[in-house]
Amino acid sequence: MVGPDGLSSSSSPVMQTPRVDHAAMQQPGAGAKRGLLEAVLQLSVPPEVLQYVQDVLPPVPDEQVEARQITYETYSTFRMQLAALPEPLLQQVCGSVRACTLQELLQPLRAIRPVNGGPGWDMDVVMQLRTLNFDLSGAAAAGAAE
């Protein structure tokens, strides 16, 4: 399979068909696969179905819990959903943001997607997503003090 940027998605361990036994959960990338599965399911199924999937699948090993959580957090954001759109559709949905195009703004998210040859998650991208709603300029604090 070839991704939209021409890279083979089969080269990423996150894009391989997962096994669901205990031994499979010990493999590298299993935590990230689980986080990706849960994030995608969250978009399209009721919470009861997601809970059932979590109950049926084996637990994520302790050493892969962080990868599962960060992948889930990353793929649950609206920006990642926008980053998954092909360029023509993205242009129809959005114009530009401040002094750059939305395509430029979403490039770090597109780069970490396994379909584009990325690792699935990146801590720098996660930290950027986590800080989107914070105003660190002091303007909000100054307004609250008045």
N, C-alpha and C. Protein backbone atom coordinates (compact mmCIF):
# COMPACT_ATOMS: atom_id res chain seq x y z
N MET A 1 0.85 -1.17 0.00
CA MET A 1 0.00 0.00 0.00
C MET A 1 0.90 1.24 0.00
N VAL A 2 0.51 2.24 -0.75
CA VAL A 2 1.28 3.47 -0.84
C VAL A 2 0.45 4.62 -0.29
N GLY A 3 1.06 5.41 0.58
CA GLY A 3 0.37 6.55 1.18
C GLY A 3 0.27 7.69 0.20
N PRO A 4 -0.44 8.78 0.58
CA PRO A 4 -0.65 9.91 -0.31
C PRO A 4 0.63 10.62 -0.69
N ASP A 5 1.69 10.45 0.10
CA ASP A 5 2.95 11.11 -0.23
C ASP A 5 3.88 10.19 -1.02
N GLY A 6 3.37 9.00 -1.41
CA GLY A 6 4.17 8.08 -2.21
C GLY A 6 5.01 7.12 -1.39
N LEU A 7 5.00 7.22 -0.06
CA LEU A 7 5.76 6.31 0.79
C LEU A 7 4.96 5.04 1.04
N SER A 8 5.65 3.94 1.17
CA SER A 8 4.99 2.68 1.45
C SER A 8 4.57 2.62 2.90
N SER A 9 3.28 2.43 3.14
CA SER A 9 2.79 2.35 4.51
C SER A 9 3.12 1.00 5.13
N SER A 10 3.43 0.00 4.32
CA SER A 10 3.72 -1.31 4.87
C SER A 10 5.08 -1.34 5.56
N SER A 11 5.91 -0.32 5.39
CA SER A 11 7.22 -0.29 6.02
C SER A 11 7.13 0.08 7.50
N SER A 12 6.03 0.64 7.94
CA SER A 12 5.87 1.03 9.33
C SER A 12 5.28 -0.13 10.13
N PRO A 13 5.90 -0.48 11.28
CA PRO A 13 5.35 -1.57 12.08
C PRO A 13 3.96 -1.25 12.62
N VAL A 14 3.61 0.03 12.73
CA VAL A 14 2.29 0.41 13.23
C VAL A 14 1.20 0.05 12.22
N MET A 15 1.54 -0.01 10.93
CA MET A 15 0.55 -0.27 9.89
C MET A 15 0.37 -1.75 9.58
N GLN A 16 1.08 -2.65 10.26
CA GLN A 16 0.93 -4.08 10.02
C GLN A 16 -0.36 -4.58 10.67
N THR A 17 -0.96 -5.63 10.10
CA THR A 17 -2.16 -6.22 10.66
C THR A 17 -1.84 -6.78 12.04
N PRO A 18 -2.57 -6.33 13.07
CA PRO A 18 -2.22 -6.75 14.43
C PRO A 18 -2.75 -8.14 14.78
N ARG A 19 -1.98 -8.84 15.59
CA ARG A 19 -2.47 -10.04 16.25
C ARG A 19 -3.00 -9.57 17.60
N VAL A 20 -3.87 -10.35 18.21
CA VAL A 20 -4.47 -9.89 19.46
C VAL A 20 -4.17 -10.80 20.65
N ASP A 21 -3.17 -11.66 20.54
CA ASP A 21 -2.83 -12.51 21.68
C ASP A 21 -1.80 -11.81 22.58
N HIS A 22 -1.52 -12.45 23.71
CA HIS A 22 -0.61 -11.87 24.69
C HIS A 22 0.79 -11.65 24.10
N ALA A 23 1.27 -12.63 23.31
CA ALA A 23 2.61 -12.50 22.71
C ALA A 23 2.68 -11.31 21.77
N ALA A 24 1.60 -11.04 21.05
CA ALA A 24 1.58 -9.92 20.11
C ALA A 24 1.69 -8.59 20.84
N MET A 25 1.11 -8.51 22.03
CA MET A 25 1.16 -7.25 22.78
C MET A 25 2.56 -6.96 23.30
N GLN A 26 3.46 -7.93 23.24
CA GLN A 26 4.84 -7.72 23.68
C GLN A 26 5.72 -7.17 22.56
N GLN A 27 5.20 -7.17 21.34
CA GLN A 27 5.99 -6.73 20.18
C GLN A 27 6.13 -5.22 20.14
N PRO A 28 7.25 -4.71 19.57
CA PRO A 28 7.41 -3.26 19.43
C PRO A 28 6.27 -2.67 18.59
N GLY A 29 5.75 -1.56 19.02
CA GLY A 29 4.70 -0.88 18.29
C GLY A 29 3.30 -1.31 18.69
N ALA A 30 3.16 -2.34 19.54
CA ALA A 30 1.83 -2.83 19.91
C ALA A 30 1.05 -1.77 20.69
N GLY A 31 1.72 -1.04 21.56
CA GLY A 31 1.03 0.01 22.32
C GLY A 31 0.54 1.12 21.41
N ALA A 32 1.37 1.51 20.45
CA ALA A 32 0.97 2.56 19.50
C ALA A 32 -0.19 2.08 18.64
N LYS A 33 -0.16 0.81 18.21
CA LYS A 33 -1.27 0.26 17.42
C LYS A 33 -2.56 0.31 18.21
N ARG A 34 -2.47 -0.04 19.48
CA ARG A 34 -3.67 -0.05 20.32
C ARG A 34 -4.21 1.36 20.49
N GLY A 35 -3.33 2.34 20.71
CA GLY A 35 -3.77 3.72 20.84
C GLY A 35 -4.42 4.23 19.56
N LEU A 36 -3.86 3.86 18.43
CA LEU A 36 -4.41 4.26 17.14
C LEU A 36 -5.78 3.62 16.93
N LEU A 37 -5.91 2.34 17.25
CA LEU A 37 -7.20 1.66 17.13
C LEU A 37 -8.26 2.34 17.99
N GLU A 38 -7.93 2.62 19.24
CA GLU A 38 -8.91 3.22 20.14
C GLU A 38 -9.28 4.64 19.71
N ALA A 39 -8.32 5.40 19.21
CA ALA A 39 -8.62 6.77 18.76
C ALA A 39 -9.53 6.76 17.55
N VAL A 40 -9.28 5.86 16.60
CA VAL A 40 -10.11 5.77 15.40
C VAL A 40 -11.51 5.26 15.75
N LEU A 41 -11.57 4.25 16.61
CA LEU A 41 -12.89 3.73 17.01
C LEU A 41 -13.70 4.78 17.74
N GLN A 42 -13.05 5.59 18.55
CA GLN A 42 -13.75 6.63 19.31
C GLN A 42 -14.53 7.56 18.38
N LEU A 43 -14.03 7.76 17.17
CA LEU A 43 -14.68 8.65 16.21
C LEU A 43 -15.94 8.07 15.60
N SER A 44 -16.08 6.73 15.66
CA SER A 44 -17.17 6.13 14.89
C SER A 44 -18.06 5.14 15.62
N VAL A 45 -17.75 4.82 16.86
CA VAL A 45 -18.59 3.85 17.57
C VAL A 45 -19.03 4.41 18.92
N PRO A 46 -20.13 3.89 19.46
CA PRO A 46 -20.56 4.34 20.78
C PRO A 46 -19.56 3.91 21.86
N PRO A 47 -19.55 4.58 22.99
CA PRO A 47 -18.60 4.25 24.07
C PRO A 47 -18.69 2.79 24.52
N GLU A 48 -19.88 2.19 24.44
CA GLU A 48 -20.03 0.79 24.85
C GLU A 48 -19.21 -0.15 23.96
N VAL A 49 -19.16 0.14 22.67
CA VAL A 49 -18.38 -0.70 21.75
C VAL A 49 -16.90 -0.53 22.04
N LEU A 50 -16.46 0.68 22.26
CA LEU A 50 -15.06 0.92 22.59
C LEU A 50 -14.70 0.21 23.89
N GLN A 51 -15.56 0.24 24.88
CA GLN A 51 -15.31 -0.45 26.15
C GLN A 51 -15.22 -1.96 25.93
N TYR A 52 -16.08 -2.49 25.06
CA TYR A 52 -16.05 -3.92 24.76
C TYR A 52 -14.72 -4.31 24.13
N VAL A 53 -14.24 -3.51 23.18
CA VAL A 53 -12.95 -3.77 22.54
C VAL A 53 -11.85 -3.76 23.58
N GLN A 54 -11.87 -2.80 24.49
CA GLN A 54 -10.84 -2.72 25.53
C GLN A 54 -10.91 -3.92 26.46
N ASP A 55 -12.12 -4.42 26.73
CA ASP A 55 -12.29 -5.58 27.60
C ASP A 55 -11.81 -6.87 26.93
N VAL A 56 -12.00 -6.99 25.61
CA VAL A 56 -11.68 -8.22 24.89
C VAL A 56 -10.18 -8.33 24.58
N LEU A 57 -9.56 -7.22 24.22
CA LEU A 57 -8.14 -7.26 23.85
C LEU A 57 -7.27 -7.44 25.10
N PRO A 58 -6.12 -8.08 24.94
CA PRO A 58 -5.23 -8.23 26.09
C PRO A 58 -4.70 -6.87 26.55
N PRO A 59 -4.31 -6.77 27.81
CA PRO A 59 -3.82 -5.48 28.30
C PRO A 59 -2.51 -5.08 27.62
N VAL A 60 -2.30 -3.79 27.54
CA VAL A 60 -1.06 -3.25 26.99
C VAL A 60 0.02 -3.40 28.06
N PRO A 61 1.19 -3.96 27.72
CA PRO A 61 2.26 -4.11 28.71
C PRO A 61 2.70 -2.75 29.27
N ASP A 62 3.18 -2.76 30.49
CA ASP A 62 3.59 -1.53 31.17
C ASP A 62 4.56 -0.70 30.33
N GLU A 63 5.51 -1.35 29.66
CA GLU A 63 6.51 -0.61 28.89
C GLU A 63 5.94 0.02 27.62
N GLN A 64 4.69 -0.31 27.27
CA GLN A 64 4.08 0.27 26.07
C GLN A 64 2.87 1.15 26.38
N VAL A 65 2.58 1.34 27.66
CA VAL A 65 1.43 2.15 28.06
C VAL A 65 1.60 3.60 27.60
N GLU A 66 2.81 4.15 27.75
CA GLU A 66 3.04 5.54 27.33
C GLU A 66 2.81 5.70 25.83
N ALA A 67 3.30 4.77 25.03
CA ALA A 67 3.10 4.85 23.57
C ALA A 67 1.61 4.78 23.24
N ARG A 68 0.85 3.91 23.92
CA ARG A 68 -0.58 3.82 23.69
C ARG A 68 -1.28 5.12 24.05
N GLN A 69 -0.95 5.68 25.21
CA GLN A 69 -1.60 6.91 25.66
C GLN A 69 -1.28 8.09 24.75
N ILE A 70 -0.03 8.22 24.37
CA ILE A 70 0.37 9.36 23.54
C ILE A 70 -0.20 9.23 22.13
N THR A 71 -0.19 8.02 21.58
CA THR A 71 -0.79 7.81 20.26
C THR A 71 -2.28 8.10 20.29
N TYR A 72 -2.95 7.61 21.32
CA TYR A 72 -4.38 7.88 21.47
C TYR A 72 -4.64 9.38 21.58
N GLU A 73 -3.86 10.05 22.40
CA GLU A 73 -4.03 11.49 22.59
C GLU A 73 -3.82 12.25 21.28
N THR A 74 -2.80 11.88 20.54
CA THR A 74 -2.48 12.55 19.28
C THR A 74 -3.57 12.34 18.23
N TYR A 75 -4.01 11.11 18.06
CA TYR A 75 -4.98 10.79 17.01
C TYR A 75 -6.41 11.16 17.39
N SER A 76 -6.64 11.56 18.63
CA SER A 76 -7.97 12.00 19.05
C SER A 76 -8.18 13.50 18.83
N THR A 77 -7.16 14.22 18.40
CA THR A 77 -7.28 15.67 18.24
C THR A 77 -7.90 16.04 16.90
N PHE A 78 -8.53 17.19 16.87
CA PHE A 78 -9.11 17.69 15.62
C PHE A 78 -8.02 18.00 14.60
N ARG A 79 -6.86 18.44 15.06
CA ARG A 79 -5.79 18.73 14.11
C ARG A 79 -5.33 17.48 13.38
N MET A 80 -5.25 16.35 14.08
CA MET A 80 -4.85 15.12 13.40
C MET A 80 -5.93 14.71 12.40
N GLN A 81 -7.18 14.91 12.73
CA GLN A 81 -8.25 14.60 11.79
C GLN A 81 -8.09 15.46 10.53
N LEU A 82 -7.77 16.73 10.71
CA LEU A 82 -7.55 17.60 9.55
C LEU A 82 -6.30 17.18 8.80
N ALA A 83 -5.26 16.75 9.52
CA ALA A 83 -4.02 16.34 8.87
C ALA A 83 -4.21 15.09 8.01
N ALA A 84 -5.24 14.31 8.30
CA ALA A 84 -5.51 13.11 7.53
C ALA A 84 -6.23 13.40 6.21
N LEU A 85 -6.73 14.62 6.05
CA LEU A 85 -7.44 14.97 4.82
C LEU A 85 -6.47 15.16 3.66
N PRO A 86 -6.85 14.74 2.46
CA PRO A 86 -6.03 15.05 1.28
C PRO A 86 -6.02 16.56 1.06
N GLU A 87 -4.96 17.07 0.47
CA GLU A 87 -4.78 18.51 0.28
C GLU A 87 -5.98 19.20 -0.37
N PRO A 88 -6.55 18.68 -1.47
CA PRO A 88 -7.70 19.39 -2.08
C PRO A 88 -8.90 19.51 -1.13
N LEU A 89 -9.19 18.46 -0.39
CA LEU A 89 -10.30 18.51 0.55
C LEU A 89 -9.99 19.46 1.71
N LEU A 90 -8.76 19.46 2.17
CA LEU A 90 -8.36 20.38 3.24
C LEU A 90 -8.56 21.83 2.80
N GLN A 91 -8.24 22.14 1.56
CA GLN A 91 -8.42 23.50 1.05
C GLN A 91 -9.90 23.88 0.98
N GLN A 92 -10.76 22.90 0.72
CA GLN A 92 -12.20 23.18 0.70
C GLN A 92 -12.73 23.43 2.11
N VAL A 93 -12.18 22.73 3.08
CA VAL A 93 -12.64 22.84 4.46
C VAL A 93 -12.09 24.10 5.13
N CYS A 94 -10.84 24.42 4.88
CA CYS A 94 -10.17 25.52 5.57
C CYS A 94 -9.38 26.37 4.58
N GLY A 95 -9.18 27.61 4.91
CA GLY A 95 -8.37 28.51 4.09
C GLY A 95 -6.95 28.58 4.61
N SER A 96 -6.65 29.62 5.35
CA SER A 96 -5.31 29.76 5.92
C SER A 96 -5.43 30.21 7.37
N VAL A 97 -4.36 30.03 8.08
CA VAL A 97 -4.30 30.39 9.49
C VAL A 97 -3.15 31.37 9.67
N ARG A 98 -3.48 32.56 10.11
CA ARG A 98 -2.49 33.62 10.32
C ARG A 98 -1.58 33.76 9.11
N ALA A 99 -0.28 33.65 9.28
CA ALA A 99 0.64 33.91 8.17
C ALA A 99 1.09 32.65 7.44
N CYS A 100 0.41 31.52 7.65
CA CYS A 100 0.80 30.30 6.96
C CYS A 100 -0.45 29.55 6.49
N THR A 101 -0.24 28.59 5.61
CA THR A 101 -1.37 27.79 5.18
C THR A 101 -1.64 26.71 6.22
N LEU A 102 -2.83 26.19 6.21
CA LEU A 102 -3.17 25.12 7.14
C LEU A 102 -2.32 23.89 6.84
N GLN A 103 -1.99 23.69 5.58
CA GLN A 103 -1.12 22.58 5.19
C GLN A 103 0.23 22.68 5.91
N GLU A 104 0.80 23.86 5.97
CA GLU A 104 2.07 24.05 6.67
C GLU A 104 1.91 23.81 8.17
N LEU A 105 0.80 24.25 8.72
CA LEU A 105 0.53 24.09 10.14
C LEU A 105 0.37 22.61 10.52
N LEU A 106 -0.22 21.84 9.62
CA LEU A 106 -0.48 20.43 9.89
C LEU A 106 0.66 19.50 9.48
N GLN A 107 1.69 20.02 8.84
CA GLN A 107 2.77 19.18 8.33
C GLN A 107 3.42 18.30 9.41
N PRO A 108 3.68 18.81 10.63
CA PRO A 108 4.26 17.92 11.65
C PRO A 108 3.35 16.74 11.98
N LEU A 109 2.04 16.95 11.98
CA LEU A 109 1.11 15.86 12.25
C LEU A 109 1.09 14.86 11.09
N ARG A 110 1.12 15.37 9.87
CA ARG A 110 1.15 14.47 8.72
C ARG A 110 2.43 13.64 8.72
N ALA A 111 3.53 14.23 9.14
CA ALA A 111 4.82 13.54 9.11
C ALA A 111 4.87 12.37 10.09
N ILE A 112 4.15 12.44 11.20
CA ILE A 112 4.21 11.34 12.17
C ILE A 112 3.23 10.22 11.86
N ARG A 113 2.32 10.42 10.91
CA ARG A 113 1.34 9.38 10.57
C ARG A 113 2.04 8.17 9.93
N PRO A 114 1.75 6.96 10.41
CA PRO A 114 2.37 5.77 9.83
C PRO A 114 2.13 5.62 8.33
N VAL A 115 0.98 6.05 7.85
CA VAL A 115 0.69 5.95 6.42
C VAL A 115 1.66 6.81 5.61
N ASN A 116 2.27 7.79 6.25
CA ASN A 116 3.26 8.64 5.59
C ASN A 116 4.68 8.24 5.96
N GLY A 117 4.83 7.09 6.59
CA GLY A 117 6.16 6.60 6.95
C GLY A 117 6.64 7.06 8.32
N GLY A 118 5.78 7.73 9.08
CA GLY A 118 6.17 8.22 10.40
C GLY A 118 6.03 7.16 11.48
N PRO A 119 6.51 7.49 12.68
CA PRO A 119 6.50 6.52 13.78
C PRO A 119 5.15 6.36 14.47
N GLY A 120 4.18 7.22 14.20
CA GLY A 120 2.88 7.15 14.85
C GLY A 120 2.68 8.25 15.86
N TRP A 121 3.73 8.63 16.56
CA TRP A 121 3.64 9.72 17.53
C TRP A 121 5.02 10.32 17.74
N ASP A 122 5.03 11.52 18.24
CA ASP A 122 6.28 12.23 18.51
C ASP A 122 6.02 13.15 19.70
N MET A 123 6.87 13.12 20.68
CA MET A 123 6.63 13.89 21.91
C MET A 123 6.59 15.39 21.64
N ASP A 124 7.39 15.90 20.73
CA ASP A 124 7.34 17.34 20.41
C ASP A 124 5.98 17.73 19.85
N VAL A 125 5.42 16.90 18.99
CA VAL A 125 4.10 17.17 18.42
C VAL A 125 3.03 17.09 19.51
N VAL A 126 3.15 16.11 20.38
CA VAL A 126 2.19 15.97 21.48
C VAL A 126 2.23 17.20 22.37
N MET A 127 3.41 17.67 22.70
CA MET A 127 3.53 18.86 23.55
C MET A 127 2.93 20.09 22.87
N GLN A 128 3.11 20.21 21.57
CA GLN A 128 2.51 21.31 20.83
C GLN A 128 0.98 21.22 20.89
N LEU A 129 0.44 20.02 20.72
CA LEU A 129 -1.01 19.84 20.79
C LEU A 129 -1.54 20.15 22.19
N ARG A 130 -0.79 19.76 23.20
CA ARG A 130 -1.23 19.99 24.58
C ARG A 130 -1.27 21.47 24.93
N THR A 131 -0.43 22.26 24.32
CA THR A 131 -0.34 23.68 24.68
C THR A 131 -1.19 24.59 23.79
N LEU A 132 -1.98 24.04 22.90
CA LEU A 132 -2.77 24.87 21.98
C LEU A 132 -3.75 25.79 22.69
N ASN A 133 -4.28 25.38 23.82
CA ASN A 133 -5.32 26.15 24.50
C ASN A 133 -4.80 27.05 25.61
N PHE A 134 -3.49 27.19 25.72
CA PHE A 134 -2.92 28.02 26.76
C PHE A 134 -2.49 29.37 26.20
N ASP A 135 -2.75 30.42 26.95
CA ASP A 135 -2.28 31.76 26.59
C ASP A 135 -1.20 32.11 27.59
N LEU A 136 0.05 32.01 27.18
CA LEU A 136 1.16 32.26 28.08
C LEU A 136 1.68 33.69 27.98
N SER A 137 0.98 34.53 27.25
CA SER A 137 1.46 35.90 27.03
C SER A 137 1.27 36.78 28.25
N GLY A 138 0.43 36.36 29.17
CA GLY A 138 0.16 37.18 30.35
C GLY A 138 -1.04 38.08 30.16
N ALA A 139 -1.55 38.18 28.93
CA ALA A 139 -2.70 39.05 28.68
C ALA A 139 -3.93 38.57 29.42
N ALA A 140 -4.14 37.27 29.47
CA ALA A 140 -5.31 36.73 30.17
C ALA A 140 -5.19 36.98 31.67
N ALA A 141 -4.00 36.82 32.21
CA ALA A 141 -3.80 37.05 33.65
C ALA A 141 -3.95 38.51 34.00
N ALA A 142 -3.48 39.39 33.12
CA ALA A 142 -3.61 40.83 33.38
C ALA A 142 -5.07 41.25 33.35
N GLY A 143 -5.86 40.67 32.44
CA GLY A 143 -7.28 40.98 32.36
C GLY A 143 -8.04 40.48 33.56
N ALA A 144 -7.63 39.35 34.10
CA ALA A 144 -8.31 38.78 35.25
C ALA A 144 -8.02 39.57 36.52
N ALA A 145 -6.87 40.24 36.57
CA ALA A 145 -6.49 40.98 37.77
C ALA A 145 -7.24 42.29 37.89
N GLU A 146 -7.83 42.75 36.80
CA GLU A 146 -8.52 44.06 36.84
C GLU A 146 -9.83 44.00 37.51
